[in-house]
Amino acid sequence: MSNQNSHEEAKTETPQGSWNDLGSSLNALFAKLGQLIKEGNRRQFMLRSRNGKVVFRLPLTIAVIIGLLLLWSAAPLLLIAFIIALALRVQFIVTRETPPHVNGETG
């Protein structure tokens, strides 16, 4: 009887432990995702024409979401647009915004 009780206890502890592991993994994943979104919002995606004029500017996070949606729904159209942009020698640029310094601090 003692062996059966310990076997039943092991069964009930394993799912709870795996749920806790899954919960902590999901929390870590969401924290990392939030950090990546913040970093992406600090960066800008720009398209610049041959003469240096900025044609298109978006936060990187939004540009990635739009690109993924286009890739998922209209991949041939996205490929054609990319080829045309390359033929027109449009530059794809990702820049990082520098945060404004408060009261002259360089912190």
PDB file of N, CA and C in Angstrom:
ATOM      1  N   MET A   1       0.809  -1.184   0.000  1.00  0.00           N
ATOM      2  CA  MET A   1       0.000   0.000   0.000  1.00  0.00           C
ATOM      3  C   MET A   1       0.859   1.257   0.000  1.00  0.00           C
ATOM      4  N   SER A   2       1.947   1.214   0.703  1.00  0.00           N
ATOM      5  CA  SER A   2       2.824   2.366   0.812  1.00  0.00           C
ATOM      6  C   SER A   2       3.401   2.744  -0.549  1.00  0.00           C
ATOM      7  N   ASN A   3       3.775   1.743  -1.341  1.00  0.00           N
ATOM      8  CA  ASN A   3       4.312   2.011  -2.665  1.00  0.00           C
ATOM      9  C   ASN A   3       3.262   2.649  -3.572  1.00  0.00           C
ATOM     10  N   GLN A   4       2.011   2.211  -3.447  1.00  0.00           N
ATOM     11  CA  GLN A   4       0.950   2.755  -4.284  1.00  0.00           C
ATOM     12  C   GLN A   4       0.689   4.220  -3.931  1.00  0.00           C
ATOM     13  N   ASN A   5       0.709   4.575  -2.632  1.00  0.00           N
ATOM     14  CA  ASN A   5       0.499   5.962  -2.221  1.00  0.00           C
ATOM     15  C   ASN A   5       1.613   6.870  -2.724  1.00  0.00           C
ATOM     16  N   SER A   6       2.845   6.405  -2.632  1.00  0.00           N
ATOM     17  CA  SER A   6       3.949   7.234  -3.100  1.00  0.00           C
ATOM     18  C   SER A   6       3.893   7.384  -4.618  1.00  0.00           C
ATOM     19  N   HIS A   7       3.413   6.338  -5.325  1.00  0.00           N
ATOM     20  CA  HIS A   7       3.282   6.420  -6.778  1.00  0.00           C
ATOM     21  C   HIS A   7       2.187   7.430  -7.163  1.00  0.00           C
ATOM     22  N   GLU A   8       1.071   7.443  -6.434  1.00  0.00           N
ATOM     23  CA  GLU A   8      -0.008   8.394  -6.690  1.00  0.00           C
ATOM     24  C   GLU A   8       0.435   9.822  -6.397  1.00  0.00           C
ATOM     25  N   GLU A   9       1.228  10.004  -5.324  1.00  0.00           N
ATOM     26  CA  GLU A   9       1.730  11.338  -5.001  1.00  0.00           C
ATOM     27  C   GLU A   9       2.650  11.850  -6.102  1.00  0.00           C
ATOM     28  N   ALA A  10       3.468  10.967  -6.660  1.00  0.00           N
ATOM     29  CA  ALA A  10       4.372  11.368  -7.732  1.00  0.00           C
ATOM     30  C   ALA A  10       3.576  11.810  -8.958  1.00  0.00           C
ATOM     31  N   LYS A  11       2.445  11.128  -9.236  1.00  0.00           N
ATOM     32  CA  LYS A  11       1.613  11.514 -10.372  1.00  0.00           C
ATOM     33  C   LYS A  11       1.006  12.900 -10.169  1.00  0.00           C
ATOM     34  N   THR A  12       0.562  13.192  -8.964  1.00  0.00           N
ATOM     35  CA  THR A  12      -0.085  14.487  -8.729  1.00  0.00           C
ATOM     36  C   THR A  12       0.931  15.617  -8.667  1.00  0.00           C
ATOM     37  N   GLU A  13       2.167  15.353  -8.289  1.00  0.00           N
ATOM     38  CA  GLU A  13       3.165  16.408  -8.201  1.00  0.00           C
ATOM     39  C   GLU A  13       3.745  16.756  -9.570  1.00  0.00           C
ATOM     40  N   THR A  14       3.844  15.806 -10.456  1.00  0.00           N
ATOM     41  CA  THR A  14       4.466  16.043 -11.748  1.00  0.00           C
ATOM     42  C   THR A  14       3.700  17.065 -12.595  1.00  0.00           C
ATOM     43  N   PRO A  15       2.370  16.946 -12.762  1.00  0.00           N
ATOM     44  CA  PRO A  15       1.690  17.956 -13.566  1.00  0.00           C
ATOM     45  C   PRO A  15       1.787  19.358 -12.956  1.00  0.00           C
ATOM     46  N   GLN A  16       1.703  19.454 -11.641  1.00  0.00           N
ATOM     47  CA  GLN A  16       1.806  20.763 -10.999  1.00  0.00           C
ATOM     48  C   GLN A  16       3.185  21.363 -11.241  1.00  0.00           C
ATOM     49  N   GLY A  17       4.221  20.544 -11.123  1.00  0.00           N
ATOM     50  CA  GLY A  17       5.569  21.034 -11.380  1.00  0.00           C
ATOM     51  C   GLY A  17       5.744  21.469 -12.818  1.00  0.00           C
ATOM     52  N   SER A  18       5.189  20.703 -13.760  1.00  0.00           N
ATOM     53  CA  SER A  18       5.324  21.080 -15.169  1.00  0.00           C
ATOM     54  C   SER A  18       4.510  22.323 -15.480  1.00  0.00           C
ATOM     55  N   TRP A  19       3.357  22.513 -14.818  1.00  0.00           N
ATOM     56  CA  TRP A  19       2.579  23.742 -15.020  1.00  0.00           C
ATOM     57  C   TRP A  19       3.340  24.937 -14.482  1.00  0.00           C
ATOM     58  N   ASN A  20       4.010  24.776 -13.346  1.00  0.00           N
ATOM     59  CA  ASN A  20       4.810  25.875 -12.805  1.00  0.00           C
ATOM     60  C   ASN A  20       5.968  26.215 -13.729  1.00  0.00           C
ATOM     61  N   ASP A  21       6.616  25.174 -14.274  1.00  0.00           N
ATOM     62  CA  ASP A  21       7.709  25.401 -15.226  1.00  0.00           C
ATOM     63  C   ASP A  21       7.201  26.098 -16.477  1.00  0.00           C
ATOM     64  N   LEU A  22       6.039  25.663 -16.962  1.00  0.00           N
ATOM     65  CA  LEU A  22       5.454  26.278 -18.140  1.00  0.00           C
ATOM     66  C   LEU A  22       5.090  27.735 -17.861  1.00  0.00           C
ATOM     67  N   GLY A  23       4.518  27.996 -16.688  1.00  0.00           N
ATOM     68  CA  GLY A  23       4.156  29.366 -16.321  1.00  0.00           C
ATOM     69  C   GLY A  23       5.368  30.270 -16.226  1.00  0.00           C
ATOM     70  N   SER A  24       6.447  29.784 -15.628  1.00  0.00           N
ATOM     71  CA  SER A  24       7.655  30.603 -15.520  1.00  0.00           C
ATOM     72  C   SER A  24       8.304  30.803 -16.891  1.00  0.00           C
ATOM     73  N   SER A  25       8.228  29.790 -17.746  1.00  0.00           N
ATOM     74  CA  SER A  25       8.762  29.933 -19.102  1.00  0.00           C
ATOM     75  C   SER A  25       7.958  30.953 -19.896  1.00  0.00           C
ATOM     76  N   LEU A  26       6.628  30.913 -19.746  1.00  0.00           N
ATOM     77  CA  LEU A  26       5.786  31.886 -20.447  1.00  0.00           C
ATOM     78  C   LEU A  26       6.030  33.303 -19.927  1.00  0.00           C
ATOM     79  N   ASN A  27       6.207  33.440 -18.617  1.00  0.00           N
ATOM     80  CA  ASN A  27       6.511  34.759 -18.056  1.00  0.00           C
ATOM     81  C   ASN A  27       7.825  35.297 -18.606  1.00  0.00           C
ATOM     82  N   ALA A  28       8.829  34.438 -18.698  1.00  0.00           N
ATOM     83  CA  ALA A  28      10.119  34.853 -19.248  1.00  0.00           C
ATOM     84  C   ALA A  28       9.979  35.215 -20.725  1.00  0.00           C
ATOM     85  N   LEU A  29       9.179  34.450 -21.460  1.00  0.00           N
ATOM     86  CA  LEU A  29       8.957  34.726 -22.876  1.00  0.00           C
ATOM     87  C   LEU A  29       8.265  36.075 -23.070  1.00  0.00           C
ATOM     88  N   PHE A  30       7.218  36.351 -22.276  1.00  0.00           N
ATOM     89  CA  PHE A  30       6.513  37.624 -22.390  1.00  0.00           C
ATOM     90  C   PHE A  30       7.391  38.795 -21.961  1.00  0.00           C
ATOM     91  N   ALA A  31       8.239  38.594 -20.967  1.00  0.00           N
ATOM     92  CA  ALA A  31       9.158  39.653 -20.556  1.00  0.00           C
ATOM     93  C   ALA A  31      10.145  39.960 -21.677  1.00  0.00           C
ATOM     94  N   LYS A  32      10.676  38.927 -22.319  1.00  0.00           N
ATOM     95  CA  LYS A  32      11.607  39.119 -23.430  1.00  0.00           C
ATOM     96  C   LYS A  32      10.903  39.772 -24.616  1.00  0.00           C
ATOM     97  N   LEU A  33       9.659  39.357 -24.887  1.00  0.00           N
ATOM     98  CA  LEU A  33       8.888  39.945 -25.974  1.00  0.00           C
ATOM     99  C   LEU A  33       8.639  41.430 -25.719  1.00  0.00           C
ATOM    100  N   GLY A  34       8.298  41.781 -24.480  1.00  0.00           N
ATOM    101  CA  GLY A  34       8.114  43.186 -24.130  1.00  0.00           C
ATOM    102  C   GLY A  34       9.382  43.990 -24.305  1.00  0.00           C
ATOM    103  N   GLN A  35      10.513  43.408 -23.932  1.00  0.00           N
ATOM    104  CA  GLN A  35      11.807  44.074 -24.090  1.00  0.00           C
ATOM    105  C   GLN A  35      12.121  44.285 -25.572  1.00  0.00           C
ATOM    106  N   LEU A  36      11.836  43.282 -26.412  1.00  0.00           N
ATOM    107  CA  LEU A  36      12.088  43.409 -27.851  1.00  0.00           C
ATOM    108  C   LEU A  36      11.187  44.470 -28.479  1.00  0.00           C
ATOM    109  N   ILE A  37       9.945  44.568 -28.012  1.00  0.00           N
ATOM    110  CA  ILE A  37       9.034  45.587 -28.535  1.00  0.00           C
ATOM    111  C   ILE A  37       9.529  46.978 -28.166  1.00  0.00           C
ATOM    112  N   LYS A  38       9.994  47.134 -26.920  1.00  0.00           N
ATOM    113  CA  LYS A  38      10.541  48.432 -26.513  1.00  0.00           C
ATOM    114  C   LYS A  38      11.758  48.799 -27.355  1.00  0.00           C
ATOM    115  N   GLU A  39      12.641  47.832 -27.587  1.00  0.00           N
ATOM    116  CA  GLU A  39      13.818  48.080 -28.427  1.00  0.00           C
ATOM    117  C   GLU A  39      13.405  48.411 -29.850  1.00  0.00           C
ATOM    118  N   GLY A  40      12.403  47.696 -30.376  1.00  0.00           N
ATOM    119  CA  GLY A  40      11.939  47.949 -31.726  1.00  0.00           C
ATOM    120  C   GLY A  40      11.316  49.326 -31.874  1.00  0.00           C
ATOM    121  N   ASN A  41      10.649  49.799 -30.816  1.00  0.00           N
ATOM    122  CA  ASN A  41      10.049  51.125 -30.875  1.00  0.00           C
ATOM    123  C   ASN A  41      11.101  52.226 -30.815  1.00  0.00           C
ATOM    124  N   ARG A  42      12.282  51.919 -30.339  1.00  0.00           N
ATOM    125  CA  ARG A  42      13.372  52.897 -30.314  1.00  0.00           C
ATOM    126  C   ARG A  42      14.092  52.966 -31.659  1.00  0.00           C
ATOM    127  N   ARG A  43      13.813  52.049 -32.524  1.00  0.00           N
ATOM    128  CA  ARG A  43      14.467  52.003 -33.829  1.00  0.00           C
ATOM    129  C   ARG A  43      13.463  52.378 -34.915  1.00  0.00           C
ATOM    130  N   GLN A  44      13.978  52.972 -35.978  1.00  0.00           N
ATOM    131  CA  GLN A  44      13.152  53.411 -37.096  1.00  0.00           C
ATOM    132  C   GLN A  44      13.539  52.636 -38.351  1.00  0.00           C
ATOM    133  N   PHE A  45      12.544  52.243 -39.115  1.00  0.00           N
ATOM    134  CA  PHE A  45      12.765  51.637 -40.424  1.00  0.00           C
ATOM    135  C   PHE A  45      12.467  52.718 -41.458  1.00  0.00           C
ATOM    136  N   MET A  46      13.418  52.976 -42.354  1.00  0.00           N
ATOM    137  CA  MET A  46      13.243  54.020 -43.356  1.00  0.00           C
ATOM    138  C   MET A  46      13.563  53.492 -44.740  1.00  0.00           C
ATOM    139  N   LEU A  47      12.863  54.033 -45.718  1.00  0.00           N
ATOM    140  CA  LEU A  47      13.198  53.825 -47.122  1.00  0.00           C
ATOM    141  C   LEU A  47      13.677  55.163 -47.639  1.00  0.00           C
ATOM    142  N   ARG A  48      14.856  55.166 -48.224  1.00  0.00           N
ATOM    143  CA  ARG A  48      15.449  56.398 -48.735  1.00  0.00           C
ATOM    144  C   ARG A  48      15.678  56.253 -50.235  1.00  0.00           C
ATOM    145  N   SER A  49      15.270  57.263 -50.988  1.00  0.00           N
ATOM    146  CA  SER A  49      15.426  57.229 -52.446  1.00  0.00           C
ATOM    147  C   SER A  49      16.881  57.463 -52.836  1.00  0.00           C
ATOM    148  N   ARG A  50      17.140  57.351 -54.138  1.00  0.00           N
ATOM    149  CA  ARG A  50      18.511  57.534 -54.630  1.00  0.00           C
ATOM    150  C   ARG A  50      19.072  58.907 -54.294  1.00  0.00           C
ATOM    151  N   ASN A  51      18.228  59.921 -54.322  1.00  0.00           N
ATOM    152  CA  ASN A  51      18.721  61.275 -54.057  1.00  0.00           C
ATOM    153  C   ASN A  51      18.785  61.599 -52.561  1.00  0.00           C
ATOM    154  N   GLY A  52      18.514  60.642 -51.693  1.00  0.00           N
ATOM    155  CA  GLY A  52      18.668  60.830 -50.258  1.00  0.00           C
ATOM    156  C   GLY A  52      17.417  61.252 -49.516  1.00  0.00           C
ATOM    157  N   LYS A  53      16.316  61.421 -50.224  1.00  0.00           N
ATOM    158  CA  LYS A  53      15.067  61.840 -49.590  1.00  0.00           C
ATOM    159  C   LYS A  53      14.404  60.632 -48.917  1.00  0.00           C
ATOM    160  N   VAL A  54      13.970  60.817 -47.656  1.00  0.00           N
ATOM    161  CA  VAL A  54      13.292  59.747 -46.936  1.00  0.00           C
ATOM    162  C   VAL A  54      11.869  59.640 -47.477  1.00  0.00           C
ATOM    163  N   VAL A  55      11.546  58.471 -48.029  1.00  0.00           N
ATOM    164  CA  VAL A  55      10.247  58.242 -48.637  1.00  0.00           C
ATOM    165  C   VAL A  55       9.261  57.673 -47.630  1.00  0.00           C
ATOM    166  N   PHE A  56       9.759  56.859 -46.706  1.00  0.00           N
ATOM    167  CA  PHE A  56       8.897  56.097 -45.806  1.00  0.00           C
ATOM    168  C   PHE A  56       9.623  55.919 -44.486  1.00  0.00           C
ATOM    169  N   ARG A  57       8.906  56.134 -43.367  1.00  0.00           N
ATOM    170  CA  ARG A  57       9.518  55.970 -42.048  1.00  0.00           C
ATOM    171  C   ARG A  57       8.482  55.405 -41.086  1.00  0.00           C
ATOM    172  N   LEU A  58       8.854  54.348 -40.380  1.00  0.00           N
ATOM    173  CA  LEU A  58       7.981  53.712 -39.385  1.00  0.00           C
ATOM    174  C   LEU A  58       8.827  53.207 -38.221  1.00  0.00           C
ATOM    175  N   PRO A  59       8.220  53.073 -37.035  1.00  0.00           N
ATOM    176  CA  PRO A  59       8.920  52.347 -35.966  1.00  0.00           C
ATOM    177  C   PRO A  59       9.167  50.905 -36.429  1.00  0.00           C
ATOM    178  N   LEU A  60      10.286  50.365 -36.053  1.00  0.00           N
ATOM    179  CA  LEU A  60      10.682  49.036 -36.526  1.00  0.00           C
ATOM    180  C   LEU A  60       9.655  47.968 -36.165  1.00  0.00           C
ATOM    181  N   THR A  61       9.071  48.046 -34.980  1.00  0.00           N
ATOM    182  CA  THR A  61       8.085  47.052 -34.558  1.00  0.00           C
ATOM    183  C   THR A  61       6.910  47.021 -35.531  1.00  0.00           C
ATOM    184  N   ILE A  62       6.403  48.177 -35.900  1.00  0.00           N
ATOM    185  CA  ILE A  62       5.260  48.251 -36.819  1.00  0.00           C
ATOM    186  C   ILE A  62       5.675  47.752 -38.199  1.00  0.00           C
ATOM    187  N   ALA A  63       6.877  48.117 -38.639  1.00  0.00           N
ATOM    188  CA  ALA A  63       7.354  47.672 -39.949  1.00  0.00           C
ATOM    189  C   ALA A  63       7.463  46.147 -40.001  1.00  0.00           C
ATOM    190  N   VAL A  64       7.923  45.531 -38.921  1.00  0.00           N
ATOM    191  CA  VAL A  64       8.040  44.066 -38.882  1.00  0.00           C
ATOM    192  C   VAL A  64       6.660  43.429 -38.915  1.00  0.00           C
ATOM    193  N   ILE A  65       5.709  43.982 -38.171  1.00  0.00           N
ATOM    194  CA  ILE A  65       4.344  43.433 -38.161  1.00  0.00           C
ATOM    195  C   ILE A  65       3.724  43.536 -39.545  1.00  0.00           C
ATOM    196  N   ILE A  66       3.869  44.689 -40.190  1.00  0.00           N
ATOM    197  CA  ILE A  66       3.334  44.860 -41.545  1.00  0.00           C
ATOM    198  C   ILE A  66       4.007  43.896 -42.512  1.00  0.00           C
ATOM    199  N   GLY A  67       5.326  43.751 -42.402  1.00  0.00           N
ATOM    200  CA  GLY A  67       6.046  42.822 -43.269  1.00  0.00           C
ATOM    201  C   GLY A  67       5.593  41.391 -43.086  1.00  0.00           C
ATOM    202  N   LEU A  68       5.378  40.974 -41.842  1.00  0.00           N
ATOM    203  CA  LEU A  68       4.915  39.606 -41.591  1.00  0.00           C
ATOM    204  C   LEU A  68       3.504  39.394 -42.115  1.00  0.00           C
ATOM    205  N   LEU A  69       2.633  40.394 -41.939  1.00  0.00           N
ATOM    206  CA  LEU A  69       1.277  40.266 -42.467  1.00  0.00           C
ATOM    207  C   LEU A  69       1.276  40.186 -43.986  1.00  0.00           C
ATOM    208  N   LEU A  70       2.105  41.007 -44.632  1.00  0.00           N
ATOM    209  CA  LEU A  70       2.208  40.940 -46.087  1.00  0.00           C
ATOM    210  C   LEU A  70       2.799  39.617 -46.546  1.00  0.00           C
ATOM    211  N   LEU A  71       3.779  39.142 -45.831  1.00  0.00           N
ATOM    212  CA  LEU A  71       4.398  37.862 -46.181  1.00  0.00           C
ATOM    213  C   LEU A  71       3.386  36.731 -46.072  1.00  0.00           C
ATOM    214  N   TRP A  72       2.557  36.792 -45.038  1.00  0.00           N
ATOM    215  CA  TRP A  72       1.570  35.747 -44.805  1.00  0.00           C
ATOM    216  C   TRP A  72       0.429  35.817 -45.813  1.00  0.00           C
ATOM    217  N   SER A  73      -0.021  37.030 -46.156  1.00  0.00           N
ATOM    218  CA  SER A  73      -1.208  37.140 -46.991  1.00  0.00           C
ATOM    219  C   SER A  73      -0.906  37.377 -48.465  1.00  0.00           C
ATOM    220  N   ALA A  74       0.201  38.042 -48.770  1.00  0.00           N
ATOM    221  CA  ALA A  74       0.474  38.393 -50.168  1.00  0.00           C
ATOM    222  C   ALA A  74       1.960  38.304 -50.457  1.00  0.00           C
ATOM    223  N   ALA A  75       2.523  37.132 -50.299  1.00  0.00           N
ATOM    224  CA  ALA A  75       3.962  36.942 -50.489  1.00  0.00           C
ATOM    225  C   ALA A  75       4.425  37.321 -51.907  1.00  0.00           C
ATOM    226  N   PRO A  76       3.716  36.945 -52.963  1.00  0.00           N
ATOM    227  CA  PRO A  76       4.182  37.343 -54.306  1.00  0.00           C
ATOM    228  C   PRO A  76       4.196  38.867 -54.484  1.00  0.00           C
ATOM    229  N   LEU A  77       3.194  39.549 -53.940  1.00  0.00           N
ATOM    230  CA  LEU A  77       3.155  41.006 -54.033  1.00  0.00           C
ATOM    231  C   LEU A  77       4.324  41.633 -53.283  1.00  0.00           C
ATOM    232  N   LEU A  78       4.645  41.092 -52.119  1.00  0.00           N
ATOM    233  CA  LEU A  78       5.777  41.590 -51.339  1.00  0.00           C
ATOM    234  C   LEU A  78       7.084  41.370 -52.093  1.00  0.00           C
ATOM    235  N   LEU A  79       7.228  40.240 -52.740  1.00  0.00           N
ATOM    236  CA  LEU A  79       8.432  39.946 -53.519  1.00  0.00           C
ATOM    237  C   LEU A  79       8.567  40.909 -54.697  1.00  0.00           C
ATOM    238  N   ILE A  80       7.470  41.171 -55.386  1.00  0.00           N
ATOM    239  CA  ILE A  80       7.493  42.109 -56.518  1.00  0.00           C
ATOM    240  C   ILE A  80       7.872  43.512 -56.040  1.00  0.00           C
ATOM    241  N   ALA A  81       7.287  43.956 -54.914  1.00  0.00           N
ATOM    242  CA  ALA A  81       7.604  45.277 -54.373  1.00  0.00           C
ATOM    243  C   ALA A  81       9.075  45.363 -53.985  1.00  0.00           C
ATOM    244  N   PHE A  82       9.614  44.298 -53.417  1.00  0.00           N
ATOM    245  CA  PHE A  82      11.022  44.274 -53.032  1.00  0.00           C
ATOM    246  C   PHE A  82      11.931  44.356 -54.255  1.00  0.00           C
ATOM    247  N   ILE A  83      11.592  43.634 -55.309  1.00  0.00           N
ATOM    248  CA  ILE A  83      12.399  43.662 -56.537  1.00  0.00           C
ATOM    249  C   ILE A  83      12.354  45.053 -57.169  1.00  0.00           C
ATOM    250  N   ILE A  84      11.176  45.673 -57.191  1.00  0.00           N
ATOM    251  CA  ILE A  84      11.054  47.028 -57.739  1.00  0.00           C
ATOM    252  C   ILE A  84      11.887  48.007 -56.919  1.00  0.00           C
ATOM    253  N   ALA A  85      11.831  47.868 -55.588  1.00  0.00           N
ATOM    254  CA  ALA A  85      12.623  48.760 -54.722  1.00  0.00           C
ATOM    255  C   ALA A  85      14.117  48.591 -54.992  1.00  0.00           C
ATOM    256  N   LEU A  86      14.559  47.371 -55.185  1.00  0.00           N
ATOM    257  CA  LEU A  86      15.974  47.143 -55.501  1.00  0.00           C
ATOM    258  C   LEU A  86      16.338  47.722 -56.867  1.00  0.00           C
ATOM    259  N   ALA A  87      15.440  47.581 -57.838  1.00  0.00           N
ATOM    260  CA  ALA A  87      15.707  48.119 -59.177  1.00  0.00           C
ATOM    261  C   ALA A  87      15.793  49.646 -59.146  1.00  0.00           C
ATOM    262  N   LEU A  88      14.998  50.277 -58.292  1.00  0.00           N
ATOM    263  CA  LEU A  88      15.014  51.737 -58.162  1.00  0.00           C
ATOM    264  C   LEU A  88      16.118  52.226 -57.223  1.00  0.00           C
ATOM    265  N   ARG A  89      16.878  51.287 -56.703  1.00  0.00           N
ATOM    266  CA  ARG A  89      17.990  51.572 -55.792  1.00  0.00           C
ATOM    267  C   ARG A  89      17.545  52.315 -54.532  1.00  0.00           C
ATOM    268  N   VAL A  90      16.413  51.865 -53.996  1.00  0.00           N
ATOM    269  CA  VAL A  90      15.924  52.407 -52.734  1.00  0.00           C
ATOM    270  C   VAL A  90      16.738  51.772 -51.613  1.00  0.00           C
ATOM    271  N   GLN A  91      17.137  52.593 -50.634  1.00  0.00           N
ATOM    272  CA  GLN A  91      17.906  52.077 -49.506  1.00  0.00           C
ATOM    273  C   GLN A  91      16.958  51.718 -48.364  1.00  0.00           C
ATOM    274  N   PHE A  92      17.167  50.551 -47.782  1.00  0.00           N
ATOM    275  CA  PHE A  92      16.437  50.119 -46.598  1.00  0.00           C
ATOM    276  C   PHE A  92      17.342  50.410 -45.412  1.00  0.00           C
ATOM    277  N   ILE A  93      16.896  51.260 -44.500  1.00  0.00           N
ATOM    278  CA  ILE A  93      17.750  51.691 -43.396  1.00  0.00           C
ATOM    279  C   ILE A  93      17.026  51.470 -42.077  1.00  0.00           C
ATOM    280  N   VAL A  94      17.753  50.947 -41.095  1.00  0.00           N
ATOM    281  CA  VAL A  94      17.246  50.843 -39.734  1.00  0.00           C
ATOM    282  C   VAL A  94      18.157  51.702 -38.866  1.00  0.00           C
ATOM    283  N   THR A  95      17.568  52.702 -38.218  1.00  0.00           N
ATOM    284  CA  THR A  95      18.342  53.594 -37.359  1.00  0.00           C
ATOM    285  C   THR A  95      17.834  53.504 -35.939  1.00  0.00           C
ATOM    286  N   ARG A  96      18.690  53.831 -35.031  1.00  0.00           N
ATOM    287  CA  ARG A  96      18.319  53.835 -33.622  1.00  0.00           C
ATOM    288  C   ARG A  96      18.179  55.276 -33.161  1.00  0.00           C
ATOM    289  N   GLU A  97      17.043  55.556 -32.527  1.00  0.00           N
ATOM    290  CA  GLU A  97      16.838  56.890 -31.979  1.00  0.00           C
ATOM    291  C   GLU A  97      17.691  57.040 -30.731  1.00  0.00           C
ATOM    292  N   THR A  98      18.296  58.189 -30.566  1.00  0.00           N
ATOM    293  CA  THR A  98      19.028  58.446 -29.339  1.00  0.00           C
ATOM    294  C   THR A  98      18.067  59.100 -28.359  1.00  0.00           C
ATOM    295  N   PRO A  99      17.980  58.573 -27.142  1.00  0.00           N
ATOM    296  CA  PRO A  99      17.052  59.159 -26.175  1.00  0.00           C
ATOM    297  C   PRO A  99      17.459  60.578 -25.807  1.00  0.00           C
ATOM    298  N   PRO A 100      16.483  61.461 -25.653  1.00  0.00           N
ATOM    299  CA  PRO A 100      16.841  62.835 -25.266  1.00  0.00           C
ATOM    300  C   PRO A 100      17.412  62.859 -23.862  1.00  0.00           C
ATOM    301  N   HIS A 101      18.442  63.673 -23.671  1.00  0.00           N
ATOM    302  CA  HIS A 101      19.083  63.768 -22.362  1.00  0.00           C
ATOM    303  C   HIS A 101      18.325  64.771 -21.509  1.00  0.00           C
ATOM    304  N   VAL A 102      18.133  64.410 -20.277  1.00  0.00           N
ATOM    305  CA  VAL A 102      17.392  65.274 -19.361  1.00  0.00           C
ATOM    306  C   VAL A 102      18.380  66.139 -18.607  1.00  0.00           C
ATOM    307  N   ASN A 103      18.194  67.454 -18.668  1.00  0.00           N
ATOM    308  CA  ASN A 103      19.024  68.425 -17.962  1.00  0.00           C
ATOM    309  C   ASN A 103      20.510  68.261 -18.263  1.00  0.00           C
ATOM    310  N   GLY A 104      20.843  67.887 -19.480  1.00  0.00           N
ATOM    311  CA  GLY A 104      22.232  67.788 -19.871  1.00  0.00           C
ATOM    312  C   GLY A 104      22.952  66.565 -19.341  1.00  0.00           C
ATOM    313  N   GLU A 105      22.225  65.637 -18.698  1.00  0.00           N
ATOM    314  CA  GLU A 105      22.869  64.418 -18.183  1.00  0.00           C
ATOM    315  C   GLU A 105      23.130  63.472 -19.338  1.00  0.00           C
ATOM    316  N   THR A 106      24.246  62.804 -19.283  1.00  0.00           N
ATOM    317  CA  THR A 106      24.597  61.846 -20.339  1.00  0.00           C
ATOM    318  C   THR A 106      24.356  60.420 -19.909  1.00  0.00           C
ATOM    319  N   GLY A 107      23.843  60.175 -18.710  1.00  0.00           N
ATOM    320  CA  GLY A 107      23.602  58.930 -18.052  1.00  0.00           C
ATOM    321  C   GLY A 107      23.278  57.798 -18.841  1.00  0.00           C
TER     322      GLY A 107
END
